[in-house]
Protein backbone atom coordinates (compact mmCIF):
# COMPACT_ATOMS: atom_id res chain seq x y z
CA UNK A 1 -5.72 -9.14 20.46
CA UNK A 2 -7.07 -8.58 16.95
CA UNK A 3 -4.55 -9.37 14.20
CA UNK A 4 -4.31 -8.29 10.57
CA UNK A 5 -1.63 -9.28 8.03
CA UNK A 6 -0.91 -7.11 4.98
CA UNK A 7 1.17 -8.42 2.07
CA UNK A 8 2.62 -5.70 -0.17
CA UNK A 9 4.85 -5.79 -3.21
CA UNK A 10 7.63 -3.52 -1.98
CA UNK A 11 9.03 -1.09 0.54
CA UNK A 12 7.10 1.96 -0.71
CA UNK A 13 3.75 0.22 -0.26
CA UNK A 14 4.87 -1.13 3.11
CA UNK A 15 5.84 2.28 4.45
CA UNK A 16 2.71 3.95 3.04
CA UNK A 17 0.36 1.32 4.47
CA UNK A 18 2.13 1.49 7.82
CA UNK A 19 1.75 5.26 7.94
CA UNK A 20 -1.88 5.00 6.83
CA UNK A 21 -2.61 2.55 9.67
CA UNK A 22 -0.95 4.86 12.18
CA UNK A 23 -2.94 7.87 10.98
CA UNK A 24 -6.29 6.06 10.81
CA UNK A 25 -5.68 4.64 14.29
CA UNK A 26 -5.49 8.25 15.50
CA UNK A 27 -4.22 7.63 18.99
CA UNK A 28 -5.73 4.18 19.45
CA UNK A 29 -3.31 1.59 20.74
CA UNK A 30 -1.89 -0.45 17.86
CA UNK A 31 1.28 -2.41 17.23
CA UNK A 32 2.78 -2.51 13.72
CA UNK A 33 5.54 -4.93 12.73
CA UNK A 34 7.25 -5.19 9.33
CA UNK A 35 8.97 -8.19 7.74
CA UNK A 36 10.54 -9.02 4.39
CA UNK A 37 10.06 -12.29 2.51
CA UNK A 38 12.58 -13.39 -0.09
CA UNK A 39 13.30 -16.62 -1.98
CA UNK A 40 11.33 -19.84 -1.97
CA UNK A 41 9.25 -19.23 -5.08
CA UNK A 42 10.90 -21.18 -7.91
CA UNK A 43 11.21 -24.75 -6.61
CA UNK A 44 9.81 -26.78 -3.77
CA UNK A 45 13.35 -27.30 -2.50
CA UNK A 46 13.91 -23.61 -1.85
CA UNK A 47 12.61 -22.23 1.39
CA UNK A 48 11.53 -18.64 1.68
CA UNK A 49 13.29 -16.62 4.34
CA UNK A 50 11.56 -14.00 6.44
CA UNK A 51 13.60 -11.13 7.84
CA UNK A 52 12.45 -8.66 10.44
CA UNK A 53 12.49 -5.08 9.14
CA UNK A 54 10.93 -3.26 12.07
CA UNK A 55 9.78 -4.79 15.32
CA UNK A 56 6.46 -3.58 16.64
CA UNK A 57 6.51 -1.15 19.53
CA UNK A 58 4.44 -3.55 21.59
CA UNK A 59 2.44 -2.15 24.46
CA UNK A 60 0.51 -4.17 27.00
CA UNK A 61 -2.64 -2.17 26.24
CA UNK A 62 -2.47 -2.70 22.44
CA UNK A 63 -5.69 -4.20 21.12
CA UNK A 64 -4.75 -4.44 17.43
CA UNK A 65 -1.66 -5.93 15.80
CA UNK A 66 -0.67 -5.35 12.17
CA UNK A 67 1.96 -7.53 10.49
CA UNK A 68 3.19 -6.18 7.13
CA UNK A 69 5.15 -8.32 4.68
CA UNK A 70 7.32 -6.85 1.90
CA UNK A 71 7.05 -9.54 -0.80
CA UNK A 72 9.61 -8.01 -3.18
CA UNK A 73 7.53 -8.22 -6.36
CA UNK A 74 3.97 -7.47 -7.45
CA UNK A 75 3.43 -10.97 -8.84
CA UNK A 76 4.60 -12.62 -5.61
CA UNK A 77 2.10 -10.93 -3.28
CA UNK A 78 -0.62 -13.53 -3.80
CA UNK A 79 1.67 -16.59 -3.75
CA UNK A 80 3.50 -15.49 -0.62
CA UNK A 81 0.18 -14.87 1.12
CA UNK A 82 -0.96 -18.38 0.19
CA UNK A 83 2.31 -19.79 1.57
CA UNK A 84 1.80 -17.99 4.90
CA UNK A 85 -1.95 -18.48 5.22
CA UNK A 86 -1.81 -21.61 7.39
CA UNK A 87 0.69 -20.13 9.85
CA UNK A 88 -1.40 -16.97 10.13
CA UNK A 89 -4.48 -19.09 10.75
CA UNK A 90 -2.70 -20.92 13.56
CA UNK A 91 -1.58 -17.60 15.03
CA UNK A 92 -5.15 -16.34 15.24
CA UNK A 93 -5.22 -13.69 12.51
CA UNK A 94 -8.67 -12.44 11.55
CA UNK A 95 -7.93 -10.50 8.35
CA UNK A 96 -5.49 -10.50 5.42
CA UNK A 97 -4.98 -7.78 2.79
CA UNK A 98 -2.91 -8.20 -0.37
CA UNK A 99 -1.79 -4.86 -1.82
CA UNK A 100 0.08 -4.58 -5.13
CA UNK A 101 0.55 -2.26 -8.09
CA UNK A 102 -0.87 -3.01 -11.52
CA UNK A 103 2.07 -1.71 -13.56
CA UNK A 104 4.41 -2.76 -15.04
CA UNK A 105 3.23 -6.34 -15.52
CA UNK A 106 -0.41 -5.65 -16.40
CA UNK A 107 -1.66 -3.01 -18.87
CA UNK A 108 -4.67 -0.89 -17.95
CA UNK A 109 -6.76 -2.71 -20.55
CA UNK A 110 -6.33 -5.96 -18.59
CA UNK A 111 -7.24 -4.48 -15.20
CA UNK A 112 -10.67 -6.13 -15.02
CA UNK A 113 -9.17 -9.51 -15.84
CA UNK A 114 -6.53 -9.08 -13.13
CA UNK A 115 -9.18 -8.15 -10.56
CA UNK A 116 -11.33 -11.13 -11.49
CA UNK A 117 -8.44 -13.59 -11.32
CA UNK A 118 -6.83 -12.58 -8.04
CA UNK A 119 -9.29 -14.41 -5.73
CA UNK A 120 -8.93 -17.66 -7.71
CA UNK A 121 -7.50 -20.47 -5.58
CA UNK A 122 -7.44 -18.37 -2.41
CA UNK A 123 -8.91 -19.59 0.87
CA UNK A 124 -11.27 -17.12 2.52
CA UNK A 125 -12.13 -19.12 5.67
CA UNK A 126 -11.35 -18.79 8.46
CA UNK A 127 -9.39 -15.67 7.41
CA UNK A 128 -10.99 -13.39 4.85
CA UNK A 129 -8.61 -12.08 2.16
CA UNK A 130 -9.06 -8.71 0.43
CA UNK A 131 -7.10 -7.64 -2.65
CA UNK A 132 -6.15 -3.99 -3.12
CA UNK A 133 -4.68 -2.69 -6.37
CA UNK A 134 -2.78 0.56 -6.84
CA UNK A 135 -3.86 1.63 -10.33
CA UNK A 136 -1.45 1.86 -12.01
CA UNK A 137 1.08 2.39 -9.18
CA UNK A 138 0.82 3.59 -5.59
CA UNK A 139 2.37 6.86 -6.78
CA UNK A 140 -0.97 7.65 -8.47
CA UNK A 141 -2.35 8.13 -4.95
CA UNK A 142 0.62 10.38 -4.13
CA UNK A 143 0.00 12.47 -7.24
CA UNK A 144 -3.67 12.89 -6.40
CA UNK A 145 -2.76 14.23 -2.96
CA UNK A 146 -1.31 17.25 -4.75
CA UNK A 147 -1.22 19.32 -1.55
CA UNK A 148 1.95 17.46 -0.55
CA UNK A 149 3.93 19.05 -3.40
CA UNK A 150 4.23 22.35 -1.53
CA UNK A 151 5.69 20.48 1.42
CA UNK A 152 8.34 19.00 -0.87
CA UNK A 153 9.02 22.36 -2.54
CA UNK A 154 6.79 25.44 -3.03
CA UNK A 155 7.88 25.60 -6.67
CA UNK A 156 5.97 22.39 -7.45
CA UNK A 157 2.55 23.88 -8.16
CA UNK A 158 -0.45 22.60 -10.09
CA UNK A 159 0.15 25.36 -12.61
CA UNK A 160 3.79 24.37 -13.08
CA UNK A 161 2.81 20.72 -13.51
CA UNK A 162 0.01 21.53 -15.95
CA UNK A 163 2.10 23.84 -18.11
CA UNK A 164 5.31 21.84 -17.91
CA UNK A 165 4.03 18.26 -17.95
CA UNK A 166 0.59 18.52 -19.52
CA UNK A 167 -1.63 17.10 -16.79
CA UNK A 168 -3.42 18.36 -13.68
CA UNK A 169 -3.10 16.04 -10.64
CA UNK A 170 -6.23 17.57 -9.11
CA UNK A 171 -8.60 17.48 -12.08
CA UNK A 172 -7.28 14.54 -14.10
CA UNK A 173 -7.74 10.88 -13.19
CA UNK A 174 -4.34 9.70 -12.02
CA UNK A 175 -5.45 6.07 -12.43
CA UNK A 176 -5.16 6.52 -16.19
CA UNK A 177 -1.51 7.57 -16.01
CA UNK A 178 0.56 4.57 -17.22
CA UNK A 179 3.67 5.39 -15.14
CA UNK A 180 2.74 7.44 -12.05
CA UNK A 181 6.15 6.94 -10.41
CA UNK A 182 7.81 8.54 -13.42
CA UNK A 183 5.22 11.33 -13.37
CA UNK A 184 5.94 12.00 -9.71
CA UNK A 185 9.65 12.16 -10.45
CA UNK A 186 8.97 14.62 -13.28
CA UNK A 187 6.90 16.80 -10.93
CA UNK A 188 9.69 16.88 -8.37
CA UNK A 189 12.25 17.66 -11.09
CA UNK A 190 10.42 20.95 -11.75
CA UNK A 191 12.00 22.13 -8.50
CA UNK A 192 15.27 20.25 -8.88
CA UNK A 193 14.11 17.49 -6.54
CA UNK A 194 14.25 13.73 -7.04
CA UNK A 195 11.83 10.85 -6.52
CA UNK A 196 12.24 7.12 -6.87
CA UNK A 197 11.37 4.00 -4.90
CA UNK A 198 14.49 4.44 -2.78
CA UNK A 199 13.64 8.03 -1.75
CA UNK A 200 9.90 7.62 -1.28
CA UNK A 201 9.94 8.04 2.51
CA UNK A 202 10.05 11.85 2.23
CA UNK A 203 6.92 11.74 0.10
CA UNK A 204 5.15 9.33 2.45
CA UNK A 205 5.92 11.65 5.36
CA UNK A 206 4.72 14.73 3.44
CA UNK A 207 1.32 13.32 2.48
CA UNK A 208 -1.81 14.63 4.23
CA UNK A 209 -3.53 11.46 5.43
CA UNK A 210 -6.72 13.25 6.39
CA UNK A 211 -6.99 14.22 2.71
CA UNK A 212 -6.17 10.64 1.70
CA UNK A 213 -8.87 9.16 3.93
CA UNK A 214 -11.59 11.77 3.39
CA UNK A 215 -11.01 12.86 -0.23
CA UNK A 216 -8.53 10.84 -2.28
CA UNK A 217 -10.07 7.53 -1.22
CA UNK A 218 -13.31 8.60 -2.91
CA UNK A 219 -11.49 8.90 -6.25
CA UNK A 220 -9.69 5.56 -6.02
CA UNK A 221 -11.99 2.61 -5.22
CA UNK A 222 -9.13 0.34 -4.15
CA UNK A 223 -7.67 3.00 -1.85
CA UNK A 224 -11.15 3.43 -0.41
CA UNK A 225 -11.30 -0.32 0.15
CA UNK A 226 -7.95 -0.27 1.93
CA UNK A 227 -9.04 2.59 4.21
CA UNK A 228 -12.37 0.91 4.93
CA UNK A 229 -10.73 -2.43 5.76
CA UNK A 230 -8.25 -0.82 8.15
CA UNK A 231 -10.88 1.41 9.71
CA UNK A 232 -13.34 -1.46 10.14
CA UNK A 233 -10.66 -3.67 11.66
CA UNK A 234 -9.72 -0.97 14.16
CA UNK A 235 -13.36 -0.73 15.21
CA UNK A 236 -13.33 -4.38 16.31
CA UNK A 237 -13.58 -4.77 20.06
CA UNK A 238 -10.48 -6.17 21.72
CA UNK A 239 -10.41 -9.94 21.82
């Protein structure tokens, strides 16, 4: 079986990546399991604890296994991956992805420096590691898939957003928005709806993943990288 591990900063990224995998797999037999890592980052005496969030719906015919880790913080994604690298190597994983937001810890002006520094000190053999950044937050991708607004509420239109909030999620570059999660909440508020990290599942379920894969990924290089990595991994022949 081919195995990929994905380390994400929080639950929203975990649920989005899981849904993206499912949609890209498009009927192919995959197993997706989710875990949460907490603790173990401040002193050598503290052990991290890993809790199962969702067990994979394992099938005998599954050829690809995805293990997603919720790391609990953007700055912990890399360190937790490094901590788990050896165990993943022993378990026969072929690919690792680290997916985190840029905001709020890194300003847009420092994006290039963040990208350049992430691979530092990271082993790439025998398991290759790819870093994916949501610029500035994963909600920028949600904003760009503006077709989902009508599925949340028909009153949330591009025109209403443009006139009420001063930006167009279709024409403007959502990567330049400093706080996309707040922007998404403001868009939903136009129809009396609410968005935050705790209510993001409705948004994740409303997104058109064909649009994400075929259109939005062309606007966001890191999203394109994520889609390409998942798609390429799924094309691997069964071990």
